[in-house]
Amino acid sequence: MGIRVCLAGATGWAGSSLARGIHEAPDMELVGAVSRSHGGKSLGSVINQAGNTTLISSTVTEALQARPDVFIEYTKPDSAKANILLALQMGCHVIVGTSGLSDDDYQEIGVAAKKTGKGVLACGNFSLTVVLLQKFAEMAAKHIPHWEIIDYASSKKVDSPSGTGRELAYRLGRVRESRLDIPLEDVKGPKEVRGSRMNGTQVHAVRLPGFMISLDVIFGMPDQKLVIKHEAGSSAEPYVDGALLAVRKVGTLIGLHRGLDSVMDF
């Protein structure tokens, strides 16, 4: 019997691609799907996948009645934490693909995961290139004290920074804080121009039409700089393989783990 999976946000841009991948995976069974706007329909009829007869539920509570092994949260920041905590209470391991959760949110989720003896794997981005960017940036931060993050997305993206940018700032903060030659309190002009200080890193969010999701982390030294860049295309396909890997690995975890690399061999 395969891993029983419930996917919240199954008809969204990223969720629909992941739903197709789970349905096609030989070691998984998609037993639940959540979409407020398509409740009561078969998932295959909505995402145009023949043979996918998974019934869409309007609420997470309803979908969890199928007793999945793994719950995947791919909805909106305002509902994500409640969905995750409910899934843990129902005995599921959890994968978080939704961006916008704060460090305080994750602290609460981590406590709940330990209490229930389940694993939560929070991935700001499932793309392999993002995983590598995070690892390379952590390596660079050990040797270069000055850096800043620029987070790009379309003008319609609500969360700023993205989950990818937020996760990168968190990870760099575990290495050390970036150095500011001019402290923020000494800036002449609006301090917001220098971005937001997150986990000891200056983060800038650009939200304009024409941008897809991309991220720069820029390291500076006298007479030299290092730019590590991730750019995503218009398809959600790059995120599917990483998410499937997370499904296969999260059952081995207890407590909160952040980043896909925590279950990868580097």
Protein backbone atom coordinates (compact mmCIF):
# COMPACT_ATOMS: atom_id res chain seq x y z
CA MET A 1 0.00 0.00 0.00
CA GLY A 2 1.33 3.45 -0.92
CA ILE A 3 1.67 6.58 1.18
CA ARG A 4 -1.79 8.05 1.72
CA VAL A 5 -1.70 11.76 0.87
CA CYS A 6 -4.13 14.65 1.32
CA LEU A 7 -3.39 17.83 -0.63
CA ALA A 8 -4.90 21.18 0.39
CA GLY A 9 -4.84 23.64 -2.49
CA ALA A 10 -5.08 20.83 -5.03
CA THR A 11 -6.51 22.94 -7.85
CA GLY A 12 -4.14 25.91 -7.57
CA TRP A 13 -1.25 26.76 -9.88
CA ALA A 14 1.35 24.69 -7.99
CA GLY A 15 -1.11 22.32 -6.31
CA SER A 16 -2.61 21.03 -9.54
CA SER A 17 0.80 20.03 -10.90
CA LEU A 18 1.63 18.32 -7.63
CA ALA A 19 -1.75 16.54 -7.62
CA ARG A 20 -0.95 15.08 -11.03
CA GLY A 21 2.45 13.95 -9.79
CA ILE A 22 1.04 12.26 -6.68
CA HIS A 23 -1.63 10.48 -8.72
CA GLU A 24 1.02 9.13 -11.10
CA ALA A 25 3.52 8.13 -8.40
CA PRO A 26 3.50 4.33 -7.95
CA ASP A 27 4.18 4.54 -4.20
CA MET A 28 1.49 7.11 -3.31
CA GLU A 29 -2.29 7.29 -3.12
CA LEU A 30 -4.09 10.63 -3.26
CA VAL A 31 -6.93 10.04 -0.79
CA GLY A 32 -7.96 13.63 -0.19
CA ALA A 33 -7.97 17.01 -1.93
CA VAL A 34 -9.15 20.42 -0.75
CA SER A 35 -10.49 23.30 -2.83
CA ARG A 36 -13.10 25.75 -1.57
CA SER A 37 -14.38 26.53 -5.06
CA HIS A 38 -14.59 22.95 -6.38
CA GLY A 39 -15.94 20.94 -3.45
CA GLY A 40 -17.90 17.85 -4.46
CA LYS A 41 -16.23 17.46 -7.85
CA SER A 42 -13.69 14.84 -8.90
CA LEU A 43 -10.17 16.24 -8.95
CA GLY A 44 -9.42 14.79 -12.39
CA SER A 45 -12.32 16.69 -13.95
CA VAL A 46 -11.00 19.99 -12.57
CA ILE A 47 -7.28 19.59 -13.38
CA ASN A 48 -7.90 17.63 -16.60
CA GLN A 49 -6.27 14.35 -15.54
CA ALA A 50 -7.92 11.17 -16.74
CA GLY A 51 -8.37 8.48 -14.09
CA ASN A 52 -7.98 10.80 -11.12
CA THR A 53 -11.25 10.22 -9.25
CA THR A 54 -10.21 11.76 -5.92
CA LEU A 55 -13.19 13.64 -4.50
CA ILE A 56 -12.53 17.29 -3.70
CA SER A 57 -13.55 18.48 -0.22
CA SER A 58 -14.47 22.06 0.57
CA THR A 59 -12.72 22.01 3.96
CA VAL A 60 -9.59 20.49 5.45
CA THR A 61 -11.65 18.98 8.27
CA GLU A 62 -13.72 17.05 5.74
CA ALA A 63 -10.72 15.90 3.71
CA LEU A 64 -8.87 14.61 6.78
CA GLN A 65 -11.64 12.10 7.40
CA ALA A 66 -9.86 9.96 4.80
CA ARG A 67 -7.08 9.44 7.38
CA PRO A 68 -4.05 10.30 5.24
CA ASP A 69 -0.49 9.55 6.33
CA VAL A 70 0.76 12.88 4.96
CA PHE A 71 -1.03 16.22 4.70
CA ILE A 72 0.34 18.80 2.25
CA GLU A 73 -0.48 22.45 2.97
CA TYR A 74 -0.53 24.46 -0.27
CA THR A 75 -3.20 27.11 0.35
CA LYS A 76 -2.95 30.67 1.74
CA PRO A 77 -0.96 32.16 4.65
CA ASP A 78 -4.10 33.19 6.54
CA SER A 79 -5.36 29.60 6.81
CA ALA A 80 -2.13 27.61 6.65
CA LYS A 81 -1.24 27.48 10.35
CA ALA A 82 -4.69 26.33 11.42
CA ASN A 83 -4.68 23.64 8.71
CA ILE A 84 -1.26 22.39 9.80
CA LEU A 85 -2.16 22.23 13.48
CA LEU A 86 -5.41 20.40 12.67
CA ALA A 87 -3.57 17.84 10.52
CA LEU A 88 -1.09 17.19 13.33
CA GLN A 89 -3.96 16.66 15.76
CA MET A 90 -5.44 14.16 13.33
CA GLY A 91 -2.20 12.15 13.32
CA CYS A 92 -0.69 13.26 10.01
CA HIS A 93 2.83 14.14 9.08
CA VAL A 94 2.80 17.55 7.37
CA ILE A 95 4.56 19.15 4.41
CA VAL A 96 4.32 22.94 4.15
CA GLY A 97 4.48 24.48 0.69
CA THR A 98 2.55 27.63 1.60
CA SER A 99 4.66 30.76 1.99
CA GLY A 100 4.11 33.66 4.36
CA LEU A 101 4.28 31.91 7.73
CA SER A 102 6.35 33.73 10.35
CA ASP A 103 9.09 32.36 12.60
CA ASP A 104 6.62 32.61 15.51
CA ASP A 105 4.15 30.51 13.51
CA TYR A 106 6.80 27.89 12.93
CA GLN A 107 7.77 27.89 16.59
CA GLU A 108 4.16 27.05 17.52
CA ILE A 109 4.00 24.41 14.79
CA GLY A 110 7.25 22.86 15.99
CA VAL A 111 5.91 22.52 19.53
CA ALA A 112 2.75 20.85 18.23
CA ALA A 113 4.74 18.48 16.01
CA LYS A 114 6.88 17.29 18.92
CA LYS A 115 3.84 16.89 21.11
CA THR A 116 2.12 14.66 18.55
CA GLY A 117 5.28 12.79 17.61
CA LYS A 118 4.90 13.74 13.95
CA GLY A 119 7.18 15.40 11.43
CA VAL A 120 6.64 18.76 9.74
CA LEU A 121 8.82 19.53 6.72
CA ALA A 122 8.52 23.20 5.77
CA CYS A 123 9.88 24.06 2.34
CA GLY A 124 9.70 27.64 1.16
CA ASN A 125 10.45 26.24 -2.28
CA PHE A 126 10.69 22.66 -3.58
CA SER A 127 12.95 23.55 -6.52
CA LEU A 128 16.41 21.94 -6.61
CA THR A 129 17.99 25.22 -7.76
CA VAL A 130 16.57 26.95 -4.67
CA VAL A 131 17.94 24.22 -2.41
CA LEU A 132 21.38 24.73 -3.95
CA LEU A 133 21.10 28.53 -3.67
CA GLN A 134 20.39 28.18 0.04
CA LYS A 135 23.36 25.87 0.59
CA PHE A 136 25.76 28.03 -1.44
CA ALA A 137 24.56 31.18 0.36
CA GLU A 138 25.16 29.60 3.76
CA MET A 139 28.68 28.70 2.66
CA ALA A 140 29.32 32.25 1.42
CA ALA A 141 27.98 33.85 4.62
CA LYS A 142 30.66 32.06 6.63
CA HIS A 143 33.34 33.97 4.71
CA ILE A 144 31.69 37.22 3.52
CA PRO A 145 30.12 39.45 6.20
CA HIS A 146 28.07 41.76 3.94
CA TRP A 147 24.97 40.54 2.06
CA GLU A 148 21.42 41.48 1.16
CA ILE A 149 18.46 39.63 -0.40
CA ILE A 150 16.30 40.91 -3.26
CA ASP A 151 13.03 39.01 -3.70
CA TYR A 152 11.14 39.42 -7.01
CA ALA A 153 7.57 38.43 -7.88
CA SER A 154 4.51 39.66 -9.76
CA SER A 155 2.50 42.63 -8.53
CA LYS A 156 -0.30 40.26 -7.44
CA LYS A 157 1.77 38.25 -4.96
CA VAL A 158 0.42 39.07 -1.51
CA ASP A 159 3.19 37.79 0.76
CA SER A 160 6.36 39.86 0.93
CA PRO A 161 8.92 38.53 1.05
CA SER A 162 8.14 35.17 -0.51
CA GLY A 163 8.49 31.99 1.48
CA THR A 164 11.77 31.42 -0.35
CA GLY A 165 13.13 34.81 0.69
CA ARG A 166 11.90 34.41 4.25
CA GLU A 167 13.46 30.95 4.54
CA LEU A 168 16.78 32.18 3.13
CA ALA A 169 16.92 35.03 5.67
CA TYR A 170 16.20 32.53 8.45
CA ARG A 171 18.97 30.22 7.31
CA LEU A 172 21.55 32.98 6.88
CA GLY A 173 20.64 34.26 10.33
CA ARG A 174 21.67 30.91 11.77
CA VAL A 175 25.14 31.48 10.29
CA ARG A 176 25.45 35.07 11.57
CA GLU A 177 23.98 38.53 11.07
CA SER A 178 25.04 40.51 8.03
CA ARG A 179 27.26 43.50 8.70
CA LEU A 180 25.94 47.04 8.21
CA ASP A 181 28.65 49.67 7.84
CA ILE A 182 26.01 52.36 8.48
CA PRO A 183 23.58 51.30 11.23
CA LEU A 184 19.92 51.65 10.29
CA GLU A 185 19.36 54.28 12.97
CA ASP A 186 22.02 56.47 11.27
CA VAL A 187 20.44 56.31 7.79
CA LYS A 188 19.63 59.75 6.40
CA GLY A 189 16.16 59.47 4.89
CA PRO A 190 13.36 56.88 5.21
CA LYS A 191 14.82 53.77 6.82
CA GLU A 192 12.40 51.61 4.81
CA VAL A 193 14.48 52.35 1.71
CA ARG A 194 17.09 50.01 3.16
CA GLY A 195 14.60 47.15 3.23
CA SER A 196 13.39 45.16 6.21
CA ARG A 197 15.74 43.61 8.76
CA MET A 198 14.80 39.93 8.99
CA ASN A 199 16.88 37.52 11.08
CA GLY A 200 19.86 39.85 10.71
CA THR A 201 19.55 40.27 6.92
CA GLN A 202 18.34 43.23 4.82
CA VAL A 203 15.51 41.95 2.59
CA HIS A 204 13.95 43.88 -0.30
CA ALA A 205 10.75 42.74 -2.06
CA VAL A 206 10.07 43.88 -5.64
CA ARG A 207 6.46 43.35 -6.79
CA LEU A 208 5.86 44.35 -10.41
CA PRO A 209 3.95 43.05 -13.45
CA GLY A 210 6.18 41.00 -15.72
CA PHE A 211 8.13 39.30 -12.93
CA MET A 212 7.96 35.61 -12.12
CA ILE A 213 9.36 34.34 -8.84
CA SER A 214 13.11 34.95 -8.59
CA LEU A 215 15.64 35.71 -5.89
CA ASP A 216 19.07 37.30 -5.62
CA VAL A 217 21.37 37.09 -2.64
CA ILE A 218 24.21 39.55 -3.11
CA PHE A 219 27.46 39.31 -1.15
CA GLY A 220 29.87 42.26 -1.19
CA MET A 221 33.57 42.64 -0.44
CA PRO A 222 35.97 45.45 -1.35
CA ASP A 223 36.32 45.53 -5.17
CA GLN A 224 34.34 42.32 -5.66
CA LYS A 225 30.86 40.89 -5.24
CA LEU A 226 29.13 37.54 -5.51
CA VAL A 227 25.56 37.23 -6.83
CA ILE A 228 23.70 33.94 -6.40
CA LYS A 229 20.46 33.95 -8.37
CA HIS A 230 17.42 31.71 -8.76
CA GLU A 231 14.88 32.27 -11.53
CA ALA A 232 11.66 30.33 -12.02
CA GLY A 233 9.78 29.94 -15.29
CA SER A 234 6.04 30.01 -15.85
CA SER A 235 5.49 26.31 -15.06
CA ALA A 236 5.08 24.67 -11.66
CA GLU A 237 6.75 21.46 -12.87
CA PRO A 238 10.15 22.23 -11.23
CA TYR A 239 8.51 21.94 -7.81
CA VAL A 240 6.91 18.52 -8.25
CA ASP A 241 9.92 16.22 -7.87
CA GLY A 242 11.06 18.00 -4.71
CA ALA A 243 7.58 17.79 -3.20
CA LEU A 244 7.34 14.06 -3.97
CA LEU A 245 10.71 13.57 -2.27
CA ALA A 246 9.33 15.42 0.76
CA VAL A 247 6.30 13.10 0.87
CA ARG A 248 8.58 10.07 0.88
CA LYS A 249 10.84 11.45 3.62
CA VAL A 250 8.59 13.31 6.07
CA GLY A 251 7.41 10.09 7.72
CA THR A 252 10.93 9.55 9.07
CA LEU A 253 10.89 12.88 10.93
CA ILE A 254 9.66 14.11 14.31
CA GLY A 255 9.26 17.81 15.03
CA LEU A 256 9.79 20.76 12.71
CA HIS A 257 12.39 20.64 9.94
CA ARG A 258 12.92 23.60 7.60
CA GLY A 259 14.23 23.23 4.08
CA LEU A 260 14.15 20.37 1.58
CA ASP A 261 17.89 19.90 2.05
CA SER A 262 17.19 18.54 5.55
CA VAL A 263 16.09 15.27 3.88
CA MET A 264 18.62 15.34 1.02
CA ASP A 265 22.12 13.92 0.86
CA PHE A 266 24.73 16.67 0.37
